Amino acid sequence: LSKLFPKEEWLKLINIPVLLGGFASMPPATPVNIGTWIVIGSIFNYFIFRSRKGWWQRYNYVLSASMDAGTAFMGVLLYFSLGSENKGIKWWGTEIDHCPLASCPTAPGISVKGCPLF
C-alpha cells in the first residue's frame, strides 16, 4: 500500500499479513463481535497505548485474558443453563437450512408424509 500511495505516511504502519492473520484467527462470529473487537482493540492498542504506556503495559494483558475468560465462561453458562432443561435458542441463525424440504429423503421410492416423491 505504501508503494501505491507514497505520500500517505500512516500506510507504512499497516502490515497486511498481520492484519489478514488476525482475521483468520477470529472465530466465525457475527458482525457485532467483530465490531466490538475493532472498537476495544483500537481504544486499548492505539489511544491508551499512546497516552498511558505504563498503565497499558500493566493491564492490557489482564484485559485480554479477562475478555477471553468471559467468553469461555459465558459459553459454559449458556451450555448448562439451556442444555440442562433441554431448551435451545430458536431463531433463523441457528437453522442450517431454511428450506422445509431439506430434510426430505431423495432416494427413489421412499415416501414420507409432507415430502414430494422423486
PDB file of N, CA and C in Angstrom:
ATOM      1  N   LEU A   1       0.815  -1.202   0.000  1.00  0.00           N
ATOM      2  CA  LEU A   1       0.000   0.000   0.000  1.00  0.00           C
ATOM      3  C   LEU A   1       0.856   1.264   0.000  1.00  0.00           C
ATOM      4  N   SER A   2       1.974   1.215   0.727  1.00  0.00           N
ATOM      5  CA  SER A   2       2.798   2.421   0.785  1.00  0.00           C
ATOM      6  C   SER A   2       3.473   2.713  -0.556  1.00  0.00           C
ATOM      7  N   LYS A   3       3.640   1.693  -1.402  1.00  0.00           N
ATOM      8  CA  LYS A   3       4.196   1.948  -2.737  1.00  0.00           C
ATOM      9  C   LYS A   3       3.160   2.590  -3.650  1.00  0.00           C
ATOM     10  N   LEU A   4       1.893   2.238  -3.443  1.00  0.00           N
ATOM     11  CA  LEU A   4       0.835   2.844  -4.251  1.00  0.00           C
ATOM     12  C   LEU A   4       0.582   4.294  -3.858  1.00  0.00           C
ATOM     13  N   PHE A   5       0.674   4.571  -2.567  1.00  0.00           N
ATOM     14  CA  PHE A   5       0.413   5.919  -2.043  1.00  0.00           C
ATOM     15  C   PHE A   5       1.611   6.369  -1.209  1.00  0.00           C
ATOM     16  N   PRO A   6       2.704   6.806  -1.851  1.00  0.00           N
ATOM     17  CA  PRO A   6       3.924   7.145  -1.104  1.00  0.00           C
ATOM     18  C   PRO A   6       3.789   8.376  -0.207  1.00  0.00           C
ATOM     19  N   LYS A   7       2.831   9.248  -0.470  1.00  0.00           N
ATOM     20  CA  LYS A   7       2.685  10.456   0.346  1.00  0.00           C
ATOM     21  C   LYS A   7       1.957  10.186   1.660  1.00  0.00           C
ATOM     22  N   GLU A   8       1.244   9.085   1.737  1.00  0.00           N
ATOM     23  CA  GLU A   8       0.499   8.747   2.958  1.00  0.00           C
ATOM     24  C   GLU A   8       1.432   8.028   3.930  1.00  0.00           C
ATOM     25  N   GLU A   9       1.851   8.713   4.969  1.00  0.00           N
ATOM     26  CA  GLU A   9       2.796   8.153   5.936  1.00  0.00           C
ATOM     27  C   GLU A   9       2.174   7.069   6.808  1.00  0.00           C
ATOM     28  N   TRP A  10       0.894   7.179   7.110  1.00  0.00           N
ATOM     29  CA  TRP A  10       0.270   6.232   8.027  1.00  0.00           C
ATOM     30  C   TRP A  10       0.100   4.849   7.409  1.00  0.00           C
ATOM     31  N   LEU A  11       0.158   4.744   6.074  1.00  0.00           N
ATOM     32  CA  LEU A  11       0.028   3.441   5.428  1.00  0.00           C
ATOM     33  C   LEU A  11       1.226   2.540   5.696  1.00  0.00           C
ATOM     34  N   LYS A  12       2.360   3.123   6.054  1.00  0.00           N
ATOM     35  CA  LYS A  12       3.537   2.319   6.384  1.00  0.00           C
ATOM     36  C   LYS A  12       3.346   1.560   7.695  1.00  0.00           C
ATOM     37  N   LEU A  13       2.386   1.977   8.493  1.00  0.00           N
ATOM     38  CA  LEU A  13       2.124   1.316   9.770  1.00  0.00           C
ATOM     39  C   LEU A  13       1.239   0.083   9.625  1.00  0.00           C
ATOM     40  N   ILE A  14       0.633  -0.116   8.468  1.00  0.00           N
ATOM     41  CA  ILE A  14      -0.268  -1.246   8.259  1.00  0.00           C
ATOM     42  C   ILE A  14       0.521  -2.412   7.677  1.00  0.00           C
ATOM     43  N   ASN A  15       0.460  -3.548   8.350  1.00  0.00           N
ATOM     44  CA  ASN A  15       1.110  -4.764   7.897  1.00  0.00           C
ATOM     45  C   ASN A  15       0.017  -5.731   7.448  1.00  0.00           C
ATOM     46  N   ILE A  16      -0.132  -5.909   6.151  1.00  0.00           N
ATOM     47  CA  ILE A  16      -1.232  -6.699   5.592  1.00  0.00           C
ATOM     48  C   ILE A  16      -1.191  -8.162   6.052  1.00  0.00           C
ATOM     49  N   PRO A  17      -0.038  -8.859   6.064  1.00  0.00           N
ATOM     50  CA  PRO A  17      -0.056 -10.248   6.546  1.00  0.00           C
ATOM     51  C   PRO A  17      -0.510 -10.369   8.001  1.00  0.00           C
ATOM     52  N   VAL A  18      -0.116  -9.437   8.838  1.00  0.00           N
ATOM     53  CA  VAL A  18      -0.564  -9.474  10.232  1.00  0.00           C
ATOM     54  C   VAL A  18      -2.060  -9.201  10.316  1.00  0.00           C
ATOM     55  N   LEU A  19      -2.541  -8.263   9.524  1.00  0.00           N
ATOM     56  CA  LEU A  19      -3.966  -7.948   9.507  1.00  0.00           C
ATOM     57  C   LEU A  19      -4.795  -9.147   9.050  1.00  0.00           C
ATOM     58  N   LEU A  20      -4.384  -9.790   7.972  1.00  0.00           N
ATOM     59  CA  LEU A  20      -5.114 -10.954   7.474  1.00  0.00           C
ATOM     60  C   LEU A  20      -4.981 -12.140   8.418  1.00  0.00           C
ATOM     61  N   GLY A  21      -3.825 -12.302   9.043  1.00  0.00           N
ATOM     62  CA  GLY A  21      -3.658 -13.371  10.025  1.00  0.00           C
ATOM     63  C   GLY A  21      -4.538 -13.162  11.239  1.00  0.00           C
ATOM     64  N   GLY A  22      -4.732 -11.920  11.626  1.00  0.00           N
ATOM     65  CA  GLY A  22      -5.633 -11.626  12.737  1.00  0.00           C
ATOM     66  C   GLY A  22      -7.065 -11.973  12.412  1.00  0.00           C
ATOM     67  N   PHE A  23      -7.490 -11.674  11.198  1.00  0.00           N
ATOM     68  CA  PHE A  23      -8.850 -12.035  10.794  1.00  0.00           C
ATOM     69  C   PHE A  23      -9.000 -13.545  10.632  1.00  0.00           C
ATOM     70  N   ALA A  24      -7.932 -14.228  10.249  1.00  0.00           N
ATOM     71  CA  ALA A  24      -8.016 -15.685  10.092  1.00  0.00           C
ATOM     72  C   ALA A  24      -8.164 -16.376  11.437  1.00  0.00           C
ATOM     73  N   SER A  25      -7.623 -15.790  12.496  1.00  0.00           N
ATOM     74  CA  SER A  25      -7.719 -16.424  13.812  1.00  0.00           C
ATOM     75  C   SER A  25      -9.019 -16.095  14.531  1.00  0.00           C
ATOM     76  N   MET A  26      -9.837 -15.239  13.951  1.00  0.00           N
ATOM     77  CA  MET A  26     -11.129 -14.933  14.567  1.00  0.00           C
ATOM     78  C   MET A  26     -12.073 -16.111  14.422  1.00  0.00           C
ATOM     79  N   PRO A  27     -12.831 -16.381  15.453  1.00  0.00           N
ATOM     80  CA  PRO A  27     -13.842 -17.428  15.299  1.00  0.00           C
ATOM     81  C   PRO A  27     -14.952 -16.936  14.378  1.00  0.00           C
ATOM     82  N   PRO A  28     -15.697 -17.858  13.807  1.00  0.00           N
ATOM     83  CA  PRO A  28     -16.821 -17.395  12.997  1.00  0.00           C
ATOM     84  C   PRO A  28     -17.802 -16.661  13.893  1.00  0.00           C
ATOM     85  N   ALA A  29     -17.888 -15.384  13.721  1.00  0.00           N
ATOM     86  CA  ALA A  29     -18.667 -14.562  14.639  1.00  0.00           C
ATOM     87  C   ALA A  29     -19.552 -13.605  13.859  1.00  0.00           C
ATOM     88  N   THR A  30     -20.484 -13.026  14.555  1.00  0.00           N
ATOM     89  CA  THR A  30     -21.371 -12.050  13.941  1.00  0.00           C
ATOM     90  C   THR A  30     -20.640 -10.722  13.784  1.00  0.00           C
ATOM     91  N   PRO A  31     -21.139  -9.845  12.955  1.00  0.00           N
ATOM     92  CA  PRO A  31     -20.510  -8.532  12.815  1.00  0.00           C
ATOM     93  C   PRO A  31     -20.466  -7.738  14.120  1.00  0.00           C
ATOM     94  N   VAL A  32     -21.379  -8.029  15.041  1.00  0.00           N
ATOM     95  CA  VAL A  32     -21.344  -7.340  16.338  1.00  0.00           C
ATOM     96  C   VAL A  32     -20.068  -7.707  17.085  1.00  0.00           C
ATOM     97  N   ASN A  33     -19.682  -8.987  17.052  1.00  0.00           N
ATOM     98  CA  ASN A  33     -18.467  -9.419  17.731  1.00  0.00           C
ATOM     99  C   ASN A  33     -17.237  -8.779  17.104  1.00  0.00           C
ATOM    100  N   ILE A  34     -17.179  -8.773  15.789  1.00  0.00           N
ATOM    101  CA  ILE A  34     -16.021  -8.210  15.107  1.00  0.00           C
ATOM    102  C   ILE A  34     -15.951  -6.705  15.342  1.00  0.00           C
ATOM    103  N   GLY A  35     -17.094  -6.030  15.329  1.00  0.00           N
ATOM    104  CA  GLY A  35     -17.116  -4.594  15.636  1.00  0.00           C
ATOM    105  C   GLY A  35     -16.620  -4.307  17.039  1.00  0.00           C
ATOM    106  N   THR A  36     -17.007  -5.144  17.993  1.00  0.00           N
ATOM    107  CA  THR A  36     -16.535  -4.977  19.368  1.00  0.00           C
ATOM    108  C   THR A  36     -15.032  -5.179  19.443  1.00  0.00           C
ATOM    109  N   TRP A  37     -14.511  -6.179  18.741  1.00  0.00           N
ATOM    110  CA  TRP A  37     -13.070  -6.404  18.723  1.00  0.00           C
ATOM    111  C   TRP A  37     -12.344  -5.178  18.174  1.00  0.00           C
ATOM    112  N   ILE A  38     -12.867  -4.602  17.113  1.00  0.00           N
ATOM    113  CA  ILE A  38     -12.204  -3.450  16.497  1.00  0.00           C
ATOM    114  C   ILE A  38     -12.242  -2.243  17.426  1.00  0.00           C
ATOM    115  N   VAL A  39     -13.392  -1.992  18.053  1.00  0.00           N
ATOM    116  CA  VAL A  39     -13.511  -0.832  18.948  1.00  0.00           C
ATOM    117  C   VAL A  39     -12.593  -0.985  20.156  1.00  0.00           C
ATOM    118  N   ILE A  40     -12.652  -2.109  20.836  1.00  0.00           N
ATOM    119  CA  ILE A  40     -11.826  -2.305  22.035  1.00  0.00           C
ATOM    120  C   ILE A  40     -10.353  -2.354  21.662  1.00  0.00           C
ATOM    121  N   GLY A  41     -10.024  -3.021  20.547  1.00  0.00           N
ATOM    122  CA  GLY A  41      -8.633  -3.057  20.105  1.00  0.00           C
ATOM    123  C   GLY A  41      -8.098  -1.682  19.764  1.00  0.00           C
ATOM    124  N   SER A  42      -8.910  -0.862  19.114  1.00  0.00           N
ATOM    125  CA  SER A  42      -8.476   0.497  18.771  1.00  0.00           C
ATOM    126  C   SER A  42      -8.283   1.346  20.011  1.00  0.00           C
ATOM    127  N   ILE A  43      -9.214   1.263  20.935  1.00  0.00           N
ATOM    128  CA  ILE A  43      -9.111   2.072  22.152  1.00  0.00           C
ATOM    129  C   ILE A  43      -7.871   1.694  22.948  1.00  0.00           C
ATOM    130  N   PHE A  44      -7.683   0.404  23.195  1.00  0.00           N
ATOM    131  CA  PHE A  44      -6.597  -0.006  24.075  1.00  0.00           C
ATOM    132  C   PHE A  44      -5.247  -0.039  23.384  1.00  0.00           C
ATOM    133  N   ASN A  45      -5.198  -0.395  22.103  1.00  0.00           N
ATOM    134  CA  ASN A  45      -3.898  -0.518  21.452  1.00  0.00           C
ATOM    135  C   ASN A  45      -3.473   0.720  20.688  1.00  0.00           C
ATOM    136  N   TYR A  46      -4.306   1.722  20.640  1.00  0.00           N
ATOM    137  CA  TYR A  46      -3.896   2.965  19.994  1.00  0.00           C
ATOM    138  C   TYR A  46      -3.966   4.129  20.971  1.00  0.00           C
ATOM    139  N   PHE A  47      -5.157   4.416  21.457  1.00  0.00           N
ATOM    140  CA  PHE A  47      -5.329   5.606  22.290  1.00  0.00           C
ATOM    141  C   PHE A  47      -4.684   5.454  23.666  1.00  0.00           C
ATOM    142  N   ILE A  48      -4.974   4.370  24.350  1.00  0.00           N
ATOM    143  CA  ILE A  48      -4.408   4.196  25.690  1.00  0.00           C
ATOM    144  C   ILE A  48      -2.913   3.917  25.605  1.00  0.00           C
ATOM    145  N   PHE A  49      -2.474   3.186  24.584  1.00  0.00           N
ATOM    146  CA  PHE A  49      -1.043   2.936  24.420  1.00  0.00           C
ATOM    147  C   PHE A  49      -0.277   4.239  24.230  1.00  0.00           C
ATOM    148  N   ARG A  50      -0.842   5.176  23.483  1.00  0.00           N
ATOM    149  CA  ARG A  50      -0.158   6.453  23.252  1.00  0.00           C
ATOM    150  C   ARG A  50      -0.178   7.368  24.470  1.00  0.00           C
ATOM    151  N   SER A  51      -1.264   7.333  25.229  1.00  0.00           N
ATOM    152  CA  SER A  51      -1.380   8.292  26.325  1.00  0.00           C
ATOM    153  C   SER A  51      -0.900   7.752  27.668  1.00  0.00           C
ATOM    154  N   ARG A  52      -1.089   6.479  27.948  1.00  0.00           N
ATOM    155  CA  ARG A  52      -0.741   5.897  29.251  1.00  0.00           C
ATOM    156  C   ARG A  52      -0.002   4.580  29.046  1.00  0.00           C
ATOM    157  N   LYS A  53       1.258   4.648  28.646  1.00  0.00           N
ATOM    158  CA  LYS A  53       2.009   3.429  28.338  1.00  0.00           C
ATOM    159  C   LYS A  53       2.211   2.541  29.554  1.00  0.00           C
ATOM    160  N   GLY A  54       2.462   3.117  30.698  1.00  0.00           N
ATOM    161  CA  GLY A  54       2.663   2.315  31.911  1.00  0.00           C
ATOM    162  C   GLY A  54       1.411   1.544  32.287  1.00  0.00           C
ATOM    163  N   TRP A  55       0.278   2.221  32.229  1.00  0.00           N
ATOM    164  CA  TRP A  55      -0.991   1.558  32.544  1.00  0.00           C
ATOM    165  C   TRP A  55      -1.274   0.474  31.509  1.00  0.00           C
ATOM    166  N   TRP A  56      -1.002   0.768  30.237  1.00  0.00           N
ATOM    167  CA  TRP A  56      -1.234  -0.206  29.175  1.00  0.00           C
ATOM    168  C   TRP A  56      -0.361  -1.443  29.375  1.00  0.00           C
ATOM    169  N   GLN A  57       0.912  -1.250  29.715  1.00  0.00           N
ATOM    170  CA  GLN A  57       1.805  -2.391  29.923  1.00  0.00           C
ATOM    171  C   GLN A  57       1.349  -3.258  31.089  1.00  0.00           C
ATOM    172  N   ARG A  58       0.786  -2.645  32.095  1.00  0.00           N
ATOM    173  CA  ARG A  58       0.369  -3.393  33.278  1.00  0.00           C
ATOM    174  C   ARG A  58      -0.959  -4.115  33.070  1.00  0.00           C
ATOM    175  N   TYR A  59      -1.922  -3.479  32.422  1.00  0.00           N
ATOM    176  CA  TYR A  59      -3.284  -4.020  32.412  1.00  0.00           C
ATOM    177  C   TYR A  59      -3.796  -4.533  31.070  1.00  0.00           C
ATOM    178  N   ASN A  60      -3.095  -4.332  29.978  1.00  0.00           N
ATOM    179  CA  ASN A  60      -3.615  -4.781  28.688  1.00  0.00           C
ATOM    180  C   ASN A  60      -3.689  -6.303  28.608  1.00  0.00           C
ATOM    181  N   TYR A  61      -2.691  -6.989  29.134  1.00  0.00           N
ATOM    182  CA  TYR A  61      -2.719  -8.453  29.137  1.00  0.00           C
ATOM    183  C   TYR A  61      -3.853  -8.965  30.015  1.00  0.00           C
ATOM    184  N   VAL A  62      -4.078  -8.302  31.142  1.00  0.00           N
ATOM    185  CA  VAL A  62      -5.172  -8.694  32.037  1.00  0.00           C
ATOM    186  C   VAL A  62      -6.514  -8.493  31.337  1.00  0.00           C
ATOM    187  N   LEU A  63      -6.673  -7.397  30.617  1.00  0.00           N
ATOM    188  CA  LEU A  63      -7.911  -7.155  29.873  1.00  0.00           C
ATOM    189  C   LEU A  63      -8.131  -8.238  28.821  1.00  0.00           C
ATOM    190  N   SER A  64      -7.093  -8.581  28.083  1.00  0.00           N
ATOM    191  CA  SER A  64      -7.215  -9.607  27.054  1.00  0.00           C
ATOM    192  C   SER A  64      -7.591 -10.955  27.661  1.00  0.00           C
ATOM    193  N   ALA A  65      -6.931 -11.322  28.750  1.00  0.00           N
ATOM    194  CA  ALA A  65      -7.236 -12.598  29.407  1.00  0.00           C
ATOM    195  C   ALA A  65      -8.642 -12.600  29.983  1.00  0.00           C
ATOM    196  N   SER A  66      -9.071 -11.478  30.543  1.00  0.00           N
ATOM    197  CA  SER A  66     -10.417 -11.433  31.125  1.00  0.00           C
ATOM    198  C   SER A  66     -11.497 -11.490  30.048  1.00  0.00           C
ATOM    199  N   MET A  67     -11.247 -10.899  28.889  1.00  0.00           N
ATOM    200  CA  MET A  67     -12.235 -10.987  27.811  1.00  0.00           C
ATOM    201  C   MET A  67     -12.316 -12.408  27.257  1.00  0.00           C
ATOM    202  N   ASP A  68     -11.175 -13.092  27.130  1.00  0.00           N
ATOM    203  CA  ASP A  68     -11.196 -14.489  26.692  1.00  0.00           C
ATOM    204  C   ASP A  68     -11.877 -15.375  27.726  1.00  0.00           C
ATOM    205  N   ALA A  69     -11.577 -15.151  29.002  1.00  0.00           N
ATOM    206  CA  ALA A  69     -12.209 -15.940  30.062  1.00  0.00           C
ATOM    207  C   ALA A  69     -13.704 -15.659  30.128  1.00  0.00           C
ATOM    208  N   GLY A  70     -14.110 -14.425  29.902  1.00  0.00           N
ATOM    209  CA  GLY A  70     -15.532 -14.089  29.899  1.00  0.00           C
ATOM    210  C   GLY A  70     -16.276 -14.788  28.781  1.00  0.00           C
ATOM    211  N   THR A  71     -15.643 -14.891  27.624  1.00  0.00           N
ATOM    212  CA  THR A  71     -16.265 -15.609  26.511  1.00  0.00           C
ATOM    213  C   THR A  71     -16.418 -17.089  26.841  1.00  0.00           C
ATOM    214  N   ALA A  72     -15.369 -17.685  27.408  1.00  0.00           N
ATOM    215  CA  ALA A  72     -15.438 -19.102  27.775  1.00  0.00           C
ATOM    216  C   ALA A  72     -16.461 -19.326  28.887  1.00  0.00           C
ATOM    217  N   PHE A  73     -16.471 -18.449  29.884  1.00  0.00           N
ATOM    218  CA  PHE A  73     -17.427 -18.581  30.987  1.00  0.00           C
ATOM    219  C   PHE A  73     -18.857 -18.464  30.476  1.00  0.00           C
ATOM    220  N   MET A  74     -19.105 -17.544  29.568  1.00  0.00           N
ATOM    221  CA  MET A  74     -20.451 -17.373  29.028  1.00  0.00           C
ATOM    222  C   MET A  74     -20.875 -18.593  28.213  1.00  0.00           C
ATOM    223  N   GLY A  75     -19.953 -19.185  27.482  1.00  0.00           N
ATOM    224  CA  GLY A  75     -20.269 -20.404  26.743  1.00  0.00           C
ATOM    225  C   GLY A  75     -20.651 -21.546  27.664  1.00  0.00           C
ATOM    226  N   VAL A  76     -19.903 -21.712  28.764  1.00  0.00           N
ATOM    227  CA  VAL A  76     -20.225 -22.762  29.741  1.00  0.00           C
ATOM    228  C   VAL A  76     -21.553 -22.460  30.419  1.00  0.00           C
ATOM    229  N   LEU A  77     -21.781 -21.212  30.791  1.00  0.00           N
ATOM    230  CA  LEU A  77     -23.034 -20.827  31.445  1.00  0.00           C
ATOM    231  C   LEU A  77     -24.237 -21.086  30.534  1.00  0.00           C
ATOM    232  N   LEU A  78     -24.133 -20.710  29.264  1.00  0.00           N
ATOM    233  CA  LEU A  78     -25.227 -20.967  28.325  1.00  0.00           C
ATOM    234  C   LEU A  78     -25.442 -22.458  28.103  1.00  0.00           C
ATOM    235  N   TYR A  79     -24.361 -23.220  28.060  1.00  0.00           N
ATOM    236  CA  TYR A  79     -24.496 -24.659  27.860  1.00  0.00           C
ATOM    237  C   TYR A  79     -25.272 -25.290  29.014  1.00  0.00           C
ATOM    238  N   PHE A  80     -24.899 -24.962  30.243  1.00  0.00           N
ATOM    239  CA  PHE A  80     -25.570 -25.579  31.385  1.00  0.00           C
ATOM    240  C   PHE A  80     -26.960 -25.006  31.630  1.00  0.00           C
ATOM    241  N   SER A  81     -27.144 -23.715  31.401  1.00  0.00           N
ATOM    242  CA  SER A  81     -28.464 -23.139  31.675  1.00  0.00           C
ATOM    243  C   SER A  81     -29.497 -23.542  30.627  1.00  0.00           C
ATOM    244  N   LEU A  82     -29.113 -23.647  29.378  1.00  0.00           N
ATOM    245  CA  LEU A  82     -30.064 -24.033  28.340  1.00  0.00           C
ATOM    246  C   LEU A  82     -30.072 -25.540  28.091  1.00  0.00           C
ATOM    247  N   GLY A  83     -28.936 -26.189  28.273  1.00  0.00           N
ATOM    248  CA  GLY A  83     -28.850 -27.615  27.995  1.00  0.00           C
ATOM    249  C   GLY A  83     -29.453 -28.490  29.064  1.00  0.00           C
ATOM    250  N   SER A  84     -29.447 -28.060  30.319  1.00  0.00           N
ATOM    251  CA  SER A  84     -29.975 -28.905  31.392  1.00  0.00           C
ATOM    252  C   SER A  84     -31.490 -29.047  31.302  1.00  0.00           C
ATOM    253  N   GLU A  85     -32.172 -28.066  30.800  1.00  0.00           N
ATOM    254  CA  GLU A  85     -33.630 -28.117  30.642  1.00  0.00           C
ATOM    255  C   GLU A  85     -34.027 -28.578  29.243  1.00  0.00           C
ATOM    256  N   ASN A  86     -33.041 -28.955  28.450  1.00  0.00           N
ATOM    257  CA  ASN A  86     -33.261 -29.365  27.067  1.00  0.00           C
ATOM    258  C   ASN A  86     -33.975 -28.266  26.268  1.00  0.00           C
ATOM    259  N   LYS A  87     -33.581 -27.039  26.522  1.00  0.00           N
ATOM    260  CA  LYS A  87     -34.109 -25.893  25.793  1.00  0.00           C
ATOM    261  C   LYS A  87     -33.003 -25.341  24.909  1.00  0.00           C
ATOM    262  N   GLY A  88     -33.391 -24.697  23.871  1.00  0.00           N
ATOM    263  CA  GLY A  88     -32.408 -24.104  22.982  1.00  0.00           C
ATOM    264  C   GLY A  88     -32.889 -22.770  22.466  1.00  0.00           C
ATOM    265  N   ILE A  89     -32.003 -22.103  21.824  1.00  0.00           N
ATOM    266  CA  ILE A  89     -32.342 -20.825  21.220  1.00  0.00           C
ATOM    267  C   ILE A  89     -32.841 -21.115  19.812  1.00  0.00           C
ATOM    268  N   LYS A  90     -34.051 -20.713  19.505  1.00  0.00           N
ATOM    269  CA  LYS A  90     -34.637 -20.979  18.183  1.00  0.00           C
ATOM    270  C   LYS A  90     -34.805 -19.649  17.458  1.00  0.00           C
ATOM    271  N   TRP A  91     -34.013 -19.438  16.469  1.00  0.00           N
ATOM    272  CA  TRP A  91     -34.117 -18.266  15.624  1.00  0.00           C
ATOM    273  C   TRP A  91     -33.533 -18.634  14.272  1.00  0.00           C
ATOM    274  N   TRP A  92     -33.638 -17.762  13.296  1.00  0.00           N
ATOM    275  CA  TRP A  92     -33.243 -18.094  11.935  1.00  0.00           C
ATOM    276  C   TRP A  92     -31.755 -18.398  11.808  1.00  0.00           C
ATOM    277  N   GLY A  93     -30.923 -17.875  12.685  1.00  0.00           N
ATOM    278  CA  GLY A  93     -29.480 -18.090  12.577  1.00  0.00           C
ATOM    279  C   GLY A  93     -29.024 -19.458  13.045  1.00  0.00           C
ATOM    280  N   THR A  94     -29.859 -20.175  13.819  1.00  0.00           N
ATOM    281  CA  THR A  94     -29.451 -21.492  14.292  1.00  0.00           C
ATOM    282  C   THR A  94     -29.897 -22.614  13.371  1.00  0.00           C
ATOM    283  N   GLU A  95     -30.714 -22.318  12.391  1.00  0.00           N
ATOM    284  CA  GLU A  95     -31.149 -23.331  11.439  1.00  0.00           C
ATOM    285  C   GLU A  95     -30.119 -23.441  10.320  1.00  0.00           C
ATOM    286  N   ILE A  96     -29.766 -24.666   9.995  1.00  0.00           N
ATOM    287  CA  ILE A  96     -28.754 -24.879   8.968  1.00  0.00           C
ATOM    288  C   ILE A  96     -29.300 -24.546   7.586  1.00  0.00           C
ATOM    289  N   ASP A  97     -30.500 -25.010   7.324  1.00  0.00           N
ATOM    290  CA  ASP A  97     -31.097 -24.788   6.015  1.00  0.00           C
ATOM    291  C   ASP A  97     -32.516 -24.274   6.218  1.00  0.00           C
ATOM    292  N   HIS A  98     -32.880 -23.246   5.505  1.00  0.00           N
ATOM    293  CA  HIS A  98     -34.205 -22.644   5.661  1.00  0.00           C
ATOM    294  C   HIS A  98     -35.261 -23.313   4.783  1.00  0.00           C
ATOM    295  N   CYS A  99     -34.862 -24.259   3.989  1.00  0.00           N
ATOM    296  CA  CYS A  99     -35.803 -24.939   3.104  1.00  0.00           C
ATOM    297  C   CYS A  99     -36.531 -26.029   3.882  1.00  0.00           C
ATOM    298  N   PRO A 100     -37.873 -26.002   3.926  1.00  0.00           N
ATOM    299  CA  PRO A 100     -38.588 -27.043   4.676  1.00  0.00           C
ATOM    300  C   PRO A 100     -38.446 -28.423   4.053  1.00  0.00           C
ATOM    301  N   LEU A 101     -38.044 -28.492   2.802  1.00  0.00           N
ATOM    302  CA  LEU A 101     -37.878 -29.780   2.135  1.00  0.00           C
ATOM    303  C   LEU A 101     -36.462 -30.329   2.273  1.00  0.00           C
ATOM    304  N   ALA A 102     -35.584 -29.634   2.982  1.00  0.00           N
ATOM    305  CA  ALA A 102     -34.195 -30.060   3.078  1.00  0.00           C
ATOM    306  C   ALA A 102     -34.045 -31.376   3.824  1.00  0.00           C
ATOM    307  N   SER A 103     -34.962 -31.691   4.725  1.00  0.00           N
ATOM    308  CA  SER A 103     -34.857 -32.938   5.481  1.00  0.00           C
ATOM    309  C   SER A 103     -35.599 -34.085   4.812  1.00  0.00           C
ATOM    310  N   CYS A 104     -36.168 -33.869   3.649  1.00  0.00           N
ATOM    311  CA  CYS A 104     -36.873 -34.923   2.922  1.00  0.00           C
ATOM    312  C   CYS A 104     -35.868 -35.861   2.251  1.00  0.00           C
ATOM    313  N   PRO A 105     -36.154 -37.169   2.266  1.00  0.00           N
ATOM    314  CA  PRO A 105     -35.250 -38.113   1.600  1.00  0.00           C
ATOM    315  C   PRO A 105     -35.339 -37.961   0.083  1.00  0.00           C
ATOM    316  N   THR A 106     -34.238 -38.222  -0.579  1.00  0.00           N
ATOM    317  CA  THR A 106     -34.202 -38.081  -2.038  1.00  0.00           C
ATOM    318  C   THR A 106     -34.065 -39.413  -2.753  1.00  0.00           C
ATOM    319  N   ALA A 107     -33.968 -40.502  -2.008  1.00  0.00           N
ATOM    320  CA  ALA A 107     -33.859 -41.819  -2.650  1.00  0.00           C
ATOM    321  C   ALA A 107     -35.190 -42.166  -3.311  1.00  0.00           C
ATOM    322  N   PRO A 108     -35.159 -42.758  -4.485  1.00  0.00           N
ATOM    323  CA  PRO A 108     -36.415 -43.082  -5.173  1.00  0.00           C
ATOM    324  C   PRO A 108     -37.206 -44.158  -4.422  1.00  0.00           C
ATOM    325  N   GLY A 109     -38.524 -43.958  -4.385  1.00  0.00           N
ATOM    326  CA  GLY A 109     -39.415 -44.938  -3.782  1.00  0.00           C
ATOM    327  C   GLY A 109     -39.670 -44.754  -2.301  1.00  0.00           C
ATOM    328  N   ILE A 110     -38.989 -43.854  -1.634  1.00  0.00           N
ATOM    329  CA  ILE A 110     -39.209 -43.629  -0.204  1.00  0.00           C
ATOM    330  C   ILE A 110     -40.265 -42.552  -0.062  1.00  0.00           C
ATOM    331  N   SER A 111     -41.304 -42.864   0.704  1.00  0.00           N
ATOM    332  CA  SER A 111     -42.421 -41.942   0.869  1.00  0.00           C
ATOM    333  C   SER A 111     -42.487 -41.463   2.314  1.00  0.00           C
ATOM    334  N   VAL A 112     -42.424 -40.155   2.505  1.00  0.00           N
ATOM    335  CA  VAL A 112     -42.546 -39.529   3.824  1.00  0.00           C
ATOM    336  C   VAL A 112     -43.639 -38.486   3.720  1.00  0.00           C
ATOM    337  N   LYS A 113     -44.509 -38.448   4.731  1.00  0.00           N
ATOM    338  CA  LYS A 113     -45.629 -37.507   4.714  1.00  0.00           C
ATOM    339  C   LYS A 113     -45.108 -36.065   4.662  1.00  0.00           C
ATOM    340  N   GLY A 114     -45.629 -35.291   3.731  1.00  0.00           N
ATOM    341  CA  GLY A 114     -45.247 -33.891   3.591  1.00  0.00           C
ATOM    342  C   GLY A 114     -44.088 -33.668   2.644  1.00  0.00           C
ATOM    343  N   CYS A 115     -43.492 -34.739   2.122  1.00  0.00           N
ATOM    344  CA  CYS A 115     -42.363 -34.607   1.207  1.00  0.00           C
ATOM    345  C   CYS A 115     -42.772 -35.071  -0.185  1.00  0.00           C
ATOM    346  N   PRO A 116     -42.243 -34.443  -1.215  1.00  0.00           N
ATOM    347  CA  PRO A 116     -42.577 -34.876  -2.576  1.00  0.00           C
ATOM    348  C   PRO A 116     -41.849 -36.173  -2.927  1.00  0.00           C
ATOM    349  N   LEU A 117     -42.419 -36.919  -3.847  1.00  0.00           N
ATOM    350  CA  LEU A 117     -41.781 -38.143  -4.340  1.00  0.00           C
ATOM    351  C   LEU A 117     -40.900 -37.806  -5.529  1.00  0.00           C
ATOM    352  N   PHE A 118     -39.748 -38.429  -5.590  1.00  0.00           N
ATOM    353  CA  PHE A 118     -38.817 -38.202  -6.701  1.00  0.00           C
ATOM    354  C   PHE A 118     -38.778 -39.405  -7.603  1.00  0.00           C
TER     355      PHE A 118
END
